[in-house]
Amino acid sequence: MRTIRNMLARLLLAGAVALLAACASHDHQDGYLLGGAVAQNIAEQSVRDVTVPNSRTVDSTSGERAANAVRALNEGKVKALAESASGAEGGL
């Protein structure tokens, strides 16, 4: 009876050690280095392909579009607004 209990205890201990050792070898903490996780998230959530080197940047986020608009306004190069397709006038 005692040998069966000892054998069962050893088997249980060996199973627990094997289970814990398997979990320790699968660690995602060091999978990304210095912002690699952020770049991976941006690539997965982007509509356009961010890995292509000639991808166009979004003008509204760089401030370039706003600077060009202010420069054109100061120089008097203002474009006329396009006519409305519906023909409706604004107001209440």
PDB file of N, CA and C in Angstrom:
ATOM      1  N   MET A   1       0.819  -1.189   0.000  1.00  0.00           N
ATOM      2  CA  MET A   1       0.000   0.000   0.000  1.00  0.00           C
ATOM      3  C   MET A   1       0.866   1.257   0.000  1.00  0.00           C
ATOM      4  N   ARG A   2       1.936   1.204   0.797  1.00  0.00           N
ATOM      5  CA  ARG A   2       2.817   2.345   0.891  1.00  0.00           C
ATOM      6  C   ARG A   2       3.581   2.561  -0.419  1.00  0.00           C
ATOM      7  N   THR A   3       3.970   1.523  -1.089  1.00  0.00           N
ATOM      8  CA  THR A   3       4.706   1.660  -2.349  1.00  0.00           C
ATOM      9  C   THR A   3       3.820   2.225  -3.445  1.00  0.00           C
ATOM     10  N   ILE A   4       2.568   1.864  -3.439  1.00  0.00           N
ATOM     11  CA  ILE A   4       1.645   2.416  -4.437  1.00  0.00           C
ATOM     12  C   ILE A   4       1.449   3.904  -4.182  1.00  0.00           C
ATOM     13  N   ARG A   5       1.333   4.300  -2.938  1.00  0.00           N
ATOM     14  CA  ARG A   5       1.164   5.710  -2.584  1.00  0.00           C
ATOM     15  C   ARG A   5       2.426   6.502  -2.952  1.00  0.00           C
ATOM     16  N   ASN A   6       3.603   5.941  -2.682  1.00  0.00           N
ATOM     17  CA  ASN A   6       4.859   6.605  -3.047  1.00  0.00           C
ATOM     18  C   ASN A   6       4.993   6.729  -4.563  1.00  0.00           C
ATOM     19  N   MET A   7       4.630   5.684  -5.278  1.00  0.00           N
ATOM     20  CA  MET A   7       4.714   5.705  -6.728  1.00  0.00           C
ATOM     21  C   MET A   7       3.727   6.723  -7.309  1.00  0.00           C
ATOM     22  N   LEU A   8       2.535   6.807  -6.741  1.00  0.00           N
ATOM     23  CA  LEU A   8       1.534   7.767  -7.197  1.00  0.00           C
ATOM     24  C   LEU A   8       2.000   9.197  -6.916  1.00  0.00           C
ATOM     25  N   ALA A   9       2.615   9.420  -5.768  1.00  0.00           N
ATOM     26  CA  ALA A   9       3.125  10.748  -5.426  1.00  0.00           C
ATOM     27  C   ALA A   9       4.251  11.152  -6.373  1.00  0.00           C
ATOM     28  N   ARG A  10       5.145  10.228  -6.680  1.00  0.00           N
ATOM     29  CA  ARG A  10       6.236  10.527  -7.607  1.00  0.00           C
ATOM     30  C   ARG A  10       5.713  10.817  -9.010  1.00  0.00           C
ATOM     31  N   LEU A  11       4.724  10.053  -9.431  1.00  0.00           N
ATOM     32  CA  LEU A  11       4.130  10.260 -10.748  1.00  0.00           C
ATOM     33  C   LEU A  11       3.438  11.621 -10.818  1.00  0.00           C
ATOM     34  N   LEU A  12       2.736  11.982  -9.761  1.00  0.00           N
ATOM     35  CA  LEU A  12       2.065  13.275  -9.704  1.00  0.00           C
ATOM     36  C   LEU A  12       3.089  14.414  -9.712  1.00  0.00           C
ATOM     37  N   LEU A  13       4.168  14.260  -8.968  1.00  0.00           N
ATOM     38  CA  LEU A  13       5.224  15.268  -8.935  1.00  0.00           C
ATOM     39  C   LEU A  13       5.898  15.402 -10.306  1.00  0.00           C
ATOM     40  N   ALA A  14       6.165  14.298 -10.960  1.00  0.00           N
ATOM     41  CA  ALA A  14       6.784  14.332 -12.286  1.00  0.00           C
ATOM     42  C   ALA A  14       5.858  15.002 -13.301  1.00  0.00           C
ATOM     43  N   GLY A  15       4.568  14.733 -13.211  1.00  0.00           N
ATOM     44  CA  GLY A  15       3.606  15.368 -14.116  1.00  0.00           C
ATOM     45  C   GLY A  15       3.526  16.866 -13.893  1.00  0.00           C
ATOM     46  N   ALA A  16       3.542  17.296 -12.624  1.00  0.00           N
ATOM     47  CA  ALA A  16       3.493  18.727 -12.321  1.00  0.00           C
ATOM     48  C   ALA A  16       4.746  19.439 -12.818  1.00  0.00           C
ATOM     49  N   VAL A  17       5.905  18.821 -12.628  1.00  0.00           N
ATOM     50  CA  VAL A  17       7.157  19.423 -13.098  1.00  0.00           C
ATOM     51  C   VAL A  17       7.160  19.516 -14.622  1.00  0.00           C
ATOM     52  N   ALA A  18       6.695  18.494 -15.295  1.00  0.00           N
ATOM     53  CA  ALA A  18       6.658  18.511 -16.760  1.00  0.00           C
ATOM     54  C   ALA A  18       5.700  19.584 -17.269  1.00  0.00           C
ATOM     55  N   LEU A  19       4.562  19.740 -16.605  1.00  0.00           N
ATOM     56  CA  LEU A  19       3.582  20.742 -17.009  1.00  0.00           C
ATOM     57  C   LEU A  19       4.130  22.150 -16.813  1.00  0.00           C
ATOM     58  N   LEU A  20       4.752  22.409 -15.674  1.00  0.00           N
ATOM     59  CA  LEU A  20       5.305  23.736 -15.415  1.00  0.00           C
ATOM     60  C   LEU A  20       6.504  24.042 -16.308  1.00  0.00           C
ATOM     61  N   ALA A  21       7.286  23.062 -16.620  1.00  0.00           N
ATOM     62  CA  ALA A  21       8.438  23.275 -17.499  1.00  0.00           C
ATOM     63  C   ALA A  21       7.983  23.620 -18.916  1.00  0.00           C
ATOM     64  N   ALA A  22       6.887  23.045 -19.356  1.00  0.00           N
ATOM     65  CA  ALA A  22       6.369  23.339 -20.694  1.00  0.00           C
ATOM     66  C   ALA A  22       5.857  24.769 -20.776  1.00  0.00           C
ATOM     67  N   CYS A  23       5.262  25.272 -19.712  1.00  0.00           N
ATOM     68  CA  CYS A  23       4.753  26.642 -19.710  1.00  0.00           C
ATOM     69  C   CYS A  23       5.885  27.660 -19.683  1.00  0.00           C
ATOM     70  N   ALA A  24       6.963  27.360 -19.010  1.00  0.00           N
ATOM     71  CA  ALA A  24       8.062  28.313 -18.874  1.00  0.00           C
ATOM     72  C   ALA A  24       8.796  28.539 -20.193  1.00  0.00           C
ATOM     73  N   SER A  25       8.778  27.593 -21.094  1.00  0.00           N
ATOM     74  CA  SER A  25       9.521  27.754 -22.341  1.00  0.00           C
ATOM     75  C   SER A  25       8.751  28.556 -23.384  1.00  0.00           C
ATOM     76  N   HIS A  26       7.503  28.895 -23.124  1.00  0.00           N
ATOM     77  CA  HIS A  26       6.672  29.622 -24.080  1.00  0.00           C
ATOM     78  C   HIS A  26       6.368  31.001 -23.504  1.00  0.00           C
ATOM     79  N   ASP A  27       7.303  31.937 -23.632  1.00  0.00           N
ATOM     80  CA  ASP A  27       7.174  33.257 -23.039  1.00  0.00           C
ATOM     81  C   ASP A  27       7.199  34.306 -24.145  1.00  0.00           C
ATOM     82  N   HIS A  28       6.145  35.121 -24.233  1.00  0.00           N
ATOM     83  CA  HIS A  28       6.040  36.138 -25.280  1.00  0.00           C
ATOM     84  C   HIS A  28       6.596  37.491 -24.847  1.00  0.00           C
ATOM     85  N   GLN A  29       7.083  37.605 -23.632  1.00  0.00           N
ATOM     86  CA  GLN A  29       7.500  38.899 -23.117  1.00  0.00           C
ATOM     87  C   GLN A  29       8.617  39.523 -23.944  1.00  0.00           C
ATOM     88  N   ASP A  30       9.576  38.732 -24.367  1.00  0.00           N
ATOM     89  CA  ASP A  30      10.704  39.271 -25.114  1.00  0.00           C
ATOM     90  C   ASP A  30      10.557  39.073 -26.620  1.00  0.00           C
ATOM     91  N   GLY A  31       9.341  38.914 -27.092  1.00  0.00           N
ATOM     92  CA  GLY A  31       9.118  38.687 -28.513  1.00  0.00           C
ATOM     93  C   GLY A  31       9.356  39.920 -29.360  1.00  0.00           C
ATOM     94  N   TYR A  32       9.098  41.109 -28.808  1.00  0.00           N
ATOM     95  CA  TYR A  32       9.268  42.353 -29.550  1.00  0.00           C
ATOM     96  C   TYR A  32      10.297  43.212 -28.831  1.00  0.00           C
ATOM     97  N   LEU A  33      11.132  43.873 -29.581  1.00  0.00           N
ATOM     98  CA  LEU A  33      12.161  44.720 -29.002  1.00  0.00           C
ATOM     99  C   LEU A  33      11.963  46.161 -29.438  1.00  0.00           C
ATOM    100  N   LEU A  34      11.983  47.071 -28.507  1.00  0.00           N
ATOM    101  CA  LEU A  34      11.992  48.515 -28.742  1.00  0.00           C
ATOM    102  C   LEU A  34      10.911  48.983 -29.713  1.00  0.00           C
ATOM    103  N   GLY A  35       9.668  48.768 -29.389  1.00  0.00           N
ATOM    104  CA  GLY A  35       8.573  49.279 -30.187  1.00  0.00           C
ATOM    105  C   GLY A  35       8.126  48.382 -31.311  1.00  0.00           C
ATOM    106  N   GLY A  36       8.637  47.191 -31.406  1.00  0.00           N
ATOM    107  CA  GLY A  36       8.213  46.288 -32.461  1.00  0.00           C
ATOM    108  C   GLY A  36       6.747  45.912 -32.339  1.00  0.00           C
ATOM    109  N   ALA A  37       6.220  45.890 -31.127  1.00  0.00           N
ATOM    110  CA  ALA A  37       4.812  45.563 -30.927  1.00  0.00           C
ATOM    111  C   ALA A  37       3.924  46.651 -31.509  1.00  0.00           C
ATOM    112  N   VAL A  38       4.304  47.905 -31.343  1.00  0.00           N
ATOM    113  CA  VAL A  38       3.514  49.012 -31.872  1.00  0.00           C
ATOM    114  C   VAL A  38       3.521  48.984 -33.397  1.00  0.00           C
ATOM    115  N   ALA A  39       4.669  48.749 -33.986  1.00  0.00           N
ATOM    116  CA  ALA A  39       4.751  48.674 -35.448  1.00  0.00           C
ATOM    117  C   ALA A  39       3.928  47.511 -35.984  1.00  0.00           C
ATOM    118  N   GLN A  40       3.939  46.398 -35.285  1.00  0.00           N
ATOM    119  CA  GLN A  40       3.147  45.242 -35.698  1.00  0.00           C
ATOM    120  C   GLN A  40       1.655  45.557 -35.605  1.00  0.00           C
ATOM    121  N   ASN A  41       1.218  46.236 -34.544  1.00  0.00           N
ATOM    122  CA  ASN A  41      -0.190  46.596 -34.399  1.00  0.00           C
ATOM    123  C   ASN A  41      -0.624  47.565 -35.486  1.00  0.00           C
ATOM    124  N   ILE A  42       0.212  48.531 -35.809  1.00  0.00           N
ATOM    125  CA  ILE A  42      -0.127  49.485 -36.866  1.00  0.00           C
ATOM    126  C   ILE A  42      -0.250  48.772 -38.205  1.00  0.00           C
ATOM    127  N   ALA A  43       0.654  47.864 -38.481  1.00  0.00           N
ATOM    128  CA  ALA A  43       0.609  47.130 -39.748  1.00  0.00           C
ATOM    129  C   ALA A  43      -0.646  46.278 -39.853  1.00  0.00           C
ATOM    130  N   GLU A  44      -1.086  45.699 -38.748  1.00  0.00           N
ATOM    131  CA  GLU A  44      -2.274  44.850 -38.788  1.00  0.00           C
ATOM    132  C   GLU A  44      -3.557  45.656 -38.887  1.00  0.00           C
ATOM    133  N   GLN A  45      -3.576  46.881 -38.358  1.00  0.00           N
ATOM    134  CA  GLN A  45      -4.798  47.671 -38.331  1.00  0.00           C
ATOM    135  C   GLN A  45      -4.899  48.664 -39.483  1.00  0.00           C
ATOM    136  N   SER A  46      -3.886  48.756 -40.328  1.00  0.00           N
ATOM    137  CA  SER A  46      -3.884  49.719 -41.419  1.00  0.00           C
ATOM    138  C   SER A  46      -4.664  49.189 -42.608  1.00  0.00           C
ATOM    139  N   VAL A  47      -5.355  50.098 -43.274  1.00  0.00           N
ATOM    140  CA  VAL A  47      -6.080  49.731 -44.481  1.00  0.00           C
ATOM    141  C   VAL A  47      -5.103  49.577 -45.636  1.00  0.00           C
ATOM    142  N   ARG A  48      -4.141  50.487 -45.729  1.00  0.00           N
ATOM    143  CA  ARG A  48      -3.150  50.420 -46.803  1.00  0.00           C
ATOM    144  C   ARG A  48      -1.927  49.662 -46.306  1.00  0.00           C
ATOM    145  N   ASP A  49      -1.135  49.221 -47.224  1.00  0.00           N
ATOM    146  CA  ASP A  49       0.045  48.437 -46.879  1.00  0.00           C
ATOM    147  C   ASP A  49       1.148  49.370 -46.392  1.00  0.00           C
ATOM    148  N   VAL A  50       1.523  49.256 -45.134  1.00  0.00           N
ATOM    149  CA  VAL A  50       2.544  50.144 -44.583  1.00  0.00           C
ATOM    150  C   VAL A  50       3.949  49.622 -44.806  1.00  0.00           C
ATOM    151  N   THR A  51       4.076  48.423 -45.342  1.00  0.00           N
ATOM    152  CA  THR A  51       5.406  47.875 -45.563  1.00  0.00           C
ATOM    153  C   THR A  51       5.974  48.269 -46.918  1.00  0.00           C
ATOM    154  N   VAL A  52       5.145  48.778 -47.813  1.00  0.00           N
ATOM    155  CA  VAL A  52       5.610  49.199 -49.133  1.00  0.00           C
ATOM    156  C   VAL A  52       6.384  50.507 -48.967  1.00  0.00           C
ATOM    157  N   PRO A  53       7.608  50.601 -49.479  1.00  0.00           N
ATOM    158  CA  PRO A  53       8.415  51.802 -49.246  1.00  0.00           C
ATOM    159  C   PRO A  53       7.865  53.061 -49.902  1.00  0.00           C
ATOM    160  N   ASN A  54       7.115  52.936 -50.983  1.00  0.00           N
ATOM    161  CA  ASN A  54       6.600  54.123 -51.659  1.00  0.00           C
ATOM    162  C   ASN A  54       5.152  54.422 -51.279  1.00  0.00           C
ATOM    163  N   SER A  55       4.697  53.988 -50.128  1.00  0.00           N
ATOM    164  CA  SER A  55       3.349  54.304 -49.673  1.00  0.00           C
ATOM    165  C   SER A  55       3.242  55.806 -49.446  1.00  0.00           C
ATOM    166  N   ARG A  56       2.124  56.367 -49.856  1.00  0.00           N
ATOM    167  CA  ARG A  56       1.911  57.800 -49.678  1.00  0.00           C
ATOM    168  C   ARG A  56       1.604  58.102 -48.222  1.00  0.00           C
ATOM    169  N   THR A  57       2.188  59.141 -47.683  1.00  0.00           N
ATOM    170  CA  THR A  57       1.867  59.540 -46.317  1.00  0.00           C
ATOM    171  C   THR A  57       0.545  60.286 -46.320  1.00  0.00           C
ATOM    172  N   VAL A  58      -0.106  60.289 -45.207  1.00  0.00           N
ATOM    173  CA  VAL A  58      -1.363  61.010 -45.072  1.00  0.00           C
ATOM    174  C   VAL A  58      -1.015  62.472 -44.825  1.00  0.00           C
ATOM    175  N   ASP A  59      -1.481  63.360 -45.710  1.00  0.00           N
ATOM    176  CA  ASP A  59      -1.104  64.769 -45.622  1.00  0.00           C
ATOM    177  C   ASP A  59      -1.649  65.445 -44.373  1.00  0.00           C
ATOM    178  N   SER A  60      -2.822  65.049 -43.937  1.00  0.00           N
ATOM    179  CA  SER A  60      -3.452  65.745 -42.821  1.00  0.00           C
ATOM    180  C   SER A  60      -2.729  65.517 -41.505  1.00  0.00           C
ATOM    181  N   THR A  61      -1.980  64.449 -41.371  1.00  0.00           N
ATOM    182  CA  THR A  61      -1.298  64.190 -40.108  1.00  0.00           C
ATOM    183  C   THR A  61       0.090  64.802 -40.056  1.00  0.00           C
ATOM    184  N   SER A  62       0.658  65.164 -41.187  1.00  0.00           N
ATOM    185  CA  SER A  62       2.015  65.702 -41.181  1.00  0.00           C
ATOM    186  C   SER A  62       2.041  67.217 -41.013  1.00  0.00           C
ATOM    187  N   GLY A  63       0.939  67.898 -41.257  1.00  0.00           N
ATOM    188  CA  GLY A  63       0.903  69.353 -41.168  1.00  0.00           C
ATOM    189  C   GLY A  63       1.296  70.037 -42.464  1.00  0.00           C
ATOM    190  N   GLU A  64       1.743  69.263 -43.441  1.00  0.00           N
ATOM    191  CA  GLU A  64       2.187  69.838 -44.713  1.00  0.00           C
ATOM    192  C   GLU A  64       1.011  70.453 -45.468  1.00  0.00           C
ATOM    193  N   ARG A  65      -0.123  69.800 -45.425  1.00  0.00           N
ATOM    194  CA  ARG A  65      -1.297  70.306 -46.147  1.00  0.00           C
ATOM    195  C   ARG A  65      -1.753  71.640 -45.560  1.00  0.00           C
ATOM    196  N   ALA A  66      -1.764  71.742 -44.231  1.00  0.00           N
ATOM    197  CA  ALA A  66      -2.175  72.990 -43.591  1.00  0.00           C
ATOM    198  C   ALA A  66      -1.186  74.111 -43.901  1.00  0.00           C
ATOM    199  N   ALA A  67       0.105  73.803 -43.893  1.00  0.00           N
ATOM    200  CA  ALA A  67       1.119  74.822 -44.203  1.00  0.00           C
ATOM    201  C   ALA A  67       0.974  75.306 -45.640  1.00  0.00           C
ATOM    202  N   ASN A  68       0.702  74.410 -46.556  1.00  0.00           N
ATOM    203  CA  ASN A  68       0.497  74.805 -47.961  1.00  0.00           C
ATOM    204  C   ASN A  68      -0.749  75.666 -48.110  1.00  0.00           C
ATOM    205  N   ALA A  69      -1.796  75.359 -47.352  1.00  0.00           N
ATOM    206  CA  ALA A  69      -3.028  76.145 -47.423  1.00  0.00           C
ATOM    207  C   ALA A  69      -2.805  77.560 -46.897  1.00  0.00           C
ATOM    208  N   VAL A  70      -2.080  77.699 -45.804  1.00  0.00           N
ATOM    209  CA  VAL A  70      -1.794  79.027 -45.251  1.00  0.00           C
ATOM    210  C   VAL A  70      -0.917  79.818 -46.210  1.00  0.00           C
ATOM    211  N   ARG A  71       0.081  79.170 -46.807  1.00  0.00           N
ATOM    212  CA  ARG A  71       0.961  79.843 -47.763  1.00  0.00           C
ATOM    213  C   ARG A  71       0.161  80.326 -48.978  1.00  0.00           C
ATOM    214  N   ALA A  72      -0.734  79.492 -49.489  1.00  0.00           N
ATOM    215  CA  ALA A  72      -1.548  79.879 -50.644  1.00  0.00           C
ATOM    216  C   ALA A  72      -2.490  81.022 -50.288  1.00  0.00           C
ATOM    217  N   LEU A  73      -3.029  81.023 -49.080  1.00  0.00           N
ATOM    218  CA  LEU A  73      -3.924  82.096 -48.646  1.00  0.00           C
ATOM    219  C   LEU A  73      -3.163  83.414 -48.533  1.00  0.00           C
ATOM    220  N   ASN A  74      -1.969  83.366 -47.980  1.00  0.00           N
ATOM    221  CA  ASN A  74      -1.155  84.584 -47.836  1.00  0.00           C
ATOM    222  C   ASN A  74      -0.706  85.128 -49.184  1.00  0.00           C
ATOM    223  N   GLU A  75      -0.492  84.265 -50.156  1.00  0.00           N
ATOM    224  CA  GLU A  75      -0.049  84.700 -51.482  1.00  0.00           C
ATOM    225  C   GLU A  75      -1.218  85.043 -52.403  1.00  0.00           C
ATOM    226  N   GLY A  76      -2.441  84.843 -51.952  1.00  0.00           N
ATOM    227  CA  GLY A  76      -3.614  85.173 -52.751  1.00  0.00           C
ATOM    228  C   GLY A  76      -3.959  84.130 -53.793  1.00  0.00           C
ATOM    229  N   LYS A  77      -3.434  82.945 -53.680  1.00  0.00           N
ATOM    230  CA  LYS A  77      -3.711  81.869 -54.633  1.00  0.00           C
ATOM    231  C   LYS A  77      -4.836  80.994 -54.091  1.00  0.00           C
ATOM    232  N   VAL A  78      -6.020  81.549 -54.004  1.00  0.00           N
ATOM    233  CA  VAL A  78      -7.151  80.821 -53.437  1.00  0.00           C
ATOM    234  C   VAL A  78      -7.974  80.228 -54.574  1.00  0.00           C
ATOM    235  N   LYS A  79      -8.322  78.968 -54.461  1.00  0.00           N
ATOM    236  CA  LYS A  79      -9.140  78.302 -55.475  1.00  0.00           C
ATOM    237  C   LYS A  79     -10.615  78.568 -55.192  1.00  0.00           C
ATOM    238  N   ALA A  80     -11.397  78.698 -56.258  1.00  0.00           N
ATOM    239  CA  ALA A  80     -12.837  78.878 -56.095  1.00  0.00           C
ATOM    240  C   ALA A  80     -13.464  77.557 -55.676  1.00  0.00           C
ATOM    241  N   LEU A  81     -14.499  77.647 -54.856  1.00  0.00           N
ATOM    242  CA  LEU A  81     -15.181  76.440 -54.406  1.00  0.00           C
ATOM    243  C   LEU A  81     -15.982  75.830 -55.547  1.00  0.00           C
ATOM    244  N   ALA A  82     -16.075  74.521 -55.560  1.00  0.00           N
ATOM    245  CA  ALA A  82     -16.841  73.822 -56.595  1.00  0.00           C
ATOM    246  C   ALA A  82     -18.331  74.017 -56.348  1.00  0.00           C
ATOM    247  N   GLU A  83     -19.095  74.032 -57.428  1.00  0.00           N
ATOM    248  CA  GLU A  83     -20.544  74.163 -57.322  1.00  0.00           C
ATOM    249  C   GLU A  83     -21.139  72.918 -56.693  1.00  0.00           C
ATOM    250  N   SER A  84     -22.209  73.096 -55.973  1.00  0.00           N
ATOM    251  CA  SER A  84     -22.878  71.971 -55.330  1.00  0.00           C
ATOM    252  C   SER A  84     -23.611  71.147 -56.380  1.00  0.00           C
ATOM    253  N   ALA A  85     -23.509  69.838 -56.289  1.00  0.00           N
ATOM    254  CA  ALA A  85     -24.159  68.956 -57.259  1.00  0.00           C
ATOM    255  C   ALA A  85     -25.665  68.930 -57.074  1.00  0.00           C
ATOM    256  N   SER A  86     -26.142  69.174 -55.863  1.00  0.00           N
ATOM    257  CA  SER A  86     -27.579  69.086 -55.616  1.00  0.00           C
ATOM    258  C   SER A  86     -28.295  70.374 -55.967  1.00  0.00           C
ATOM    259  N   GLY A  87     -27.581  71.488 -56.011  1.00  0.00           N
ATOM    260  CA  GLY A  87     -28.205  72.755 -56.336  1.00  0.00           C
ATOM    261  C   GLY A  87     -28.899  73.392 -55.149  1.00  0.00           C
ATOM    262  N   ALA A  88     -28.866  72.753 -54.004  1.00  0.00           N
ATOM    263  CA  ALA A  88     -29.514  73.291 -52.812  1.00  0.00           C
ATOM    264  C   ALA A  88     -28.634  74.370 -52.199  1.00  0.00           C
ATOM    265  N   GLU A  89     -29.300  75.341 -51.574  1.00  0.00           N
ATOM    266  CA  GLU A  89     -28.561  76.405 -50.917  1.00  0.00           C
ATOM    267  C   GLU A  89     -28.513  76.140 -49.429  1.00  0.00           C
ATOM    268  N   GLY A  90     -27.494  76.649 -48.786  1.00  0.00           N
ATOM    269  CA  GLY A  90     -27.349  76.459 -47.346  1.00  0.00           C
ATOM    270  C   GLY A  90     -28.301  77.343 -46.568  1.00  0.00           C
ATOM    271  N   GLY A  91     -28.347  77.127 -45.294  1.00  0.00           N
ATOM    272  CA  GLY A  91     -29.205  77.933 -44.439  1.00  0.00           C
ATOM    273  C   GLY A  91     -30.287  77.091 -43.801  1.00  0.00           C
ATOM    274  N   LEU A  92     -31.105  77.781 -43.029  1.00  0.00           N
ATOM    275  CA  LEU A  92     -32.177  77.066 -42.331  1.00  0.00           C
ATOM    276  C   LEU A  92     -33.415  77.117 -43.088  1.00  0.00           C
TER     277      LEU A  92
END
